Amino acid sequence: MADAAARSMQYEYKSNSNLVLQADRSLIDRRGRDEPTGEVQSLQGKLVGMKMGDKAMRSRPPQMEERKVKRRKRDEAQRDMVKMKGTTLLTEGMSDMVGIMYRPKTPETRSTYEILLNYIQAA
């Protein structure tokens, strides 16, 4: 019982009030009148005629344009590949598209040239 009384006396105001330290106000910097105090201030009357988000502008990310250009190039390359499927470099009209300068004139050179092209394509 005496222990319980001693424990309750330990936390009483009278016994702890002299243990509280007082701040030395001469060491604390003074705050100017226009500096914020940290108190919450109302914005009523300061946001007249404007709502939250009114100044926000919607714009596309810059990477989106780069992706479109890359996708367009890739699609054009795929269309060219589909167009060229089933043809060889020696078919009519293909030399204009690919830019081949050499055209074999005899059947022997044509077969040799096709073998050479197949070998290069396989590598």
Protein backbone atom coordinates (compact mmCIF):
# COMPACT_ATOMS: atom_id res chain seq x y z
CA MET A 1 0.00 0.00 0.00
CA ALA A 2 2.81 2.32 0.82
CA ASP A 3 4.41 1.53 -2.52
CA ALA A 4 1.26 2.55 -4.40
CA ALA A 5 1.10 5.84 -2.50
CA ALA A 6 4.77 6.54 -3.19
CA ARG A 7 4.24 5.80 -6.88
CA SER A 8 1.29 8.18 -7.16
CA MET A 9 3.26 10.89 -5.31
CA GLN A 10 6.05 10.48 -7.85
CA TYR A 11 3.91 11.99 -10.65
CA GLU A 12 2.27 14.85 -8.73
CA TYR A 13 2.56 18.42 -9.99
CA LYS A 14 4.16 19.76 -6.82
CA SER A 15 7.08 17.38 -7.01
CA ASN A 16 7.71 17.87 -10.75
CA SER A 17 6.99 21.59 -11.25
CA ASN A 18 10.43 22.68 -10.17
CA LEU A 19 12.06 20.22 -12.65
CA VAL A 20 10.65 22.03 -15.73
CA LEU A 21 13.34 24.12 -17.38
CA GLN A 22 12.56 27.63 -18.55
CA ALA A 23 13.82 28.76 -21.96
CA ASP A 24 16.35 31.60 -22.03
CA ARG A 25 14.50 34.11 -24.26
CA SER A 26 17.60 36.17 -24.90
CA LEU A 27 19.05 33.34 -27.01
CA ILE A 28 15.94 32.93 -29.18
CA ASP A 29 15.92 34.92 -32.45
CA ARG A 30 13.10 37.40 -32.82
CA ARG A 31 10.81 36.91 -35.77
CA GLY A 32 9.84 39.84 -37.98
CA ARG A 33 6.24 40.92 -38.45
CA ASP A 34 6.01 39.69 -42.05
CA GLU A 35 7.47 36.24 -41.39
CA PRO A 36 5.04 33.34 -41.07
CA THR A 37 4.25 32.06 -37.61
CA GLY A 38 3.12 28.60 -38.63
CA GLU A 39 -0.50 29.29 -37.80
CA VAL A 40 -3.16 28.27 -40.27
CA GLN A 41 -4.48 31.23 -42.25
CA SER A 42 -7.69 31.38 -44.21
CA LEU A 43 -7.62 31.83 -47.99
CA GLN A 44 -11.09 33.32 -48.03
CA GLY A 45 -11.13 36.36 -50.28
CA LYS A 46 -7.71 35.64 -51.81
CA LEU A 47 -8.86 33.18 -54.48
CA VAL A 48 -11.49 35.39 -56.07
CA GLY A 49 -12.54 34.43 -59.60
CA MET A 50 -10.36 31.36 -59.85
CA LYS A 51 -10.95 27.75 -58.94
CA MET A 52 -8.41 25.07 -58.20
CA GLY A 53 -6.99 23.69 -61.44
CA ASP A 54 -8.07 26.58 -63.68
CA LYS A 55 -4.50 27.34 -64.70
CA ALA A 56 -3.67 23.72 -65.45
CA MET A 57 -3.09 23.06 -69.15
CA ARG A 58 -3.36 19.71 -70.80
CA SER A 59 -0.44 18.75 -73.02
CA ARG A 60 0.88 15.59 -74.57
CA PRO A 61 4.09 14.06 -73.26
CA PRO A 62 7.07 14.70 -75.58
CA GLN A 63 7.84 10.98 -75.87
CA MET A 64 4.48 10.37 -77.55
CA GLU A 65 5.52 12.18 -80.75
CA GLU A 66 8.78 10.21 -80.90
CA ARG A 67 6.86 6.97 -80.50
CA LYS A 68 4.50 7.93 -83.34
CA VAL A 69 7.42 8.59 -85.68
CA LYS A 70 9.10 5.30 -84.76
CA ARG A 71 5.82 3.38 -85.15
CA ARG A 72 5.21 4.99 -88.56
CA LYS A 73 8.69 3.99 -89.78
CA ARG A 74 8.22 0.46 -88.47
CA ASP A 75 4.83 0.14 -90.18
CA GLU A 76 6.24 1.41 -93.48
CA ALA A 77 9.07 -1.12 -93.27
CA GLN A 78 6.56 -3.91 -92.60
CA ARG A 79 4.43 -2.81 -95.57
CA ASP A 80 7.53 -2.88 -97.77
CA MET A 81 8.37 -6.37 -96.55
CA VAL A 82 4.82 -7.58 -97.27
CA LYS A 83 4.99 -5.98 -100.70
CA MET A 84 8.33 -7.70 -101.43
CA LYS A 85 7.23 -11.12 -100.15
CA GLY A 86 7.33 -13.75 -102.85
CA THR A 87 9.52 -11.68 -105.17
CA THR A 88 13.22 -11.71 -105.83
CA LEU A 89 15.50 -8.77 -106.40
CA LEU A 90 15.54 -9.55 -110.11
CA THR A 91 11.80 -9.19 -110.75
CA GLU A 92 10.59 -6.31 -112.87
CA GLY A 93 10.11 -3.02 -111.04
CA MET A 94 12.03 -4.20 -107.98
CA SER A 95 15.29 -2.56 -109.01
CA ASP A 96 13.69 0.87 -108.79
CA MET A 97 12.48 0.22 -105.24
CA VAL A 98 15.71 -1.31 -103.92
CA GLY A 99 18.16 0.72 -106.00
CA ILE A 100 20.01 -2.15 -107.73
CA MET A 101 22.23 -0.98 -110.57
CA TYR A 102 23.32 -4.37 -111.95
CA ARG A 103 20.94 -6.34 -114.19
CA PRO A 104 22.10 -9.73 -115.53
CA LYS A 105 21.61 -10.01 -119.28
CA THR A 106 22.05 -13.73 -119.99
CA PRO A 107 20.28 -16.67 -118.30
CA GLU A 108 23.63 -18.05 -117.02
CA THR A 109 24.63 -14.80 -115.31
CA ARG A 110 21.09 -14.43 -113.99
CA SER A 111 21.21 -17.87 -112.28
CA THR A 112 24.69 -17.14 -110.88
CA TYR A 113 23.54 -13.76 -109.62
CA GLU A 114 20.48 -15.33 -107.93
CA ILE A 115 22.69 -17.93 -106.23
CA LEU A 116 24.96 -15.15 -105.01
CA LEU A 117 22.00 -13.13 -103.70
CA ASN A 118 20.54 -16.18 -101.91
CA TYR A 119 23.93 -16.83 -100.29
CA ILE A 120 24.16 -13.22 -99.08
CA GLN A 121 20.57 -13.26 -97.82
CA ALA A 122 21.15 -16.51 -95.88
CA ALA A 123 24.21 -15.07 -94.12
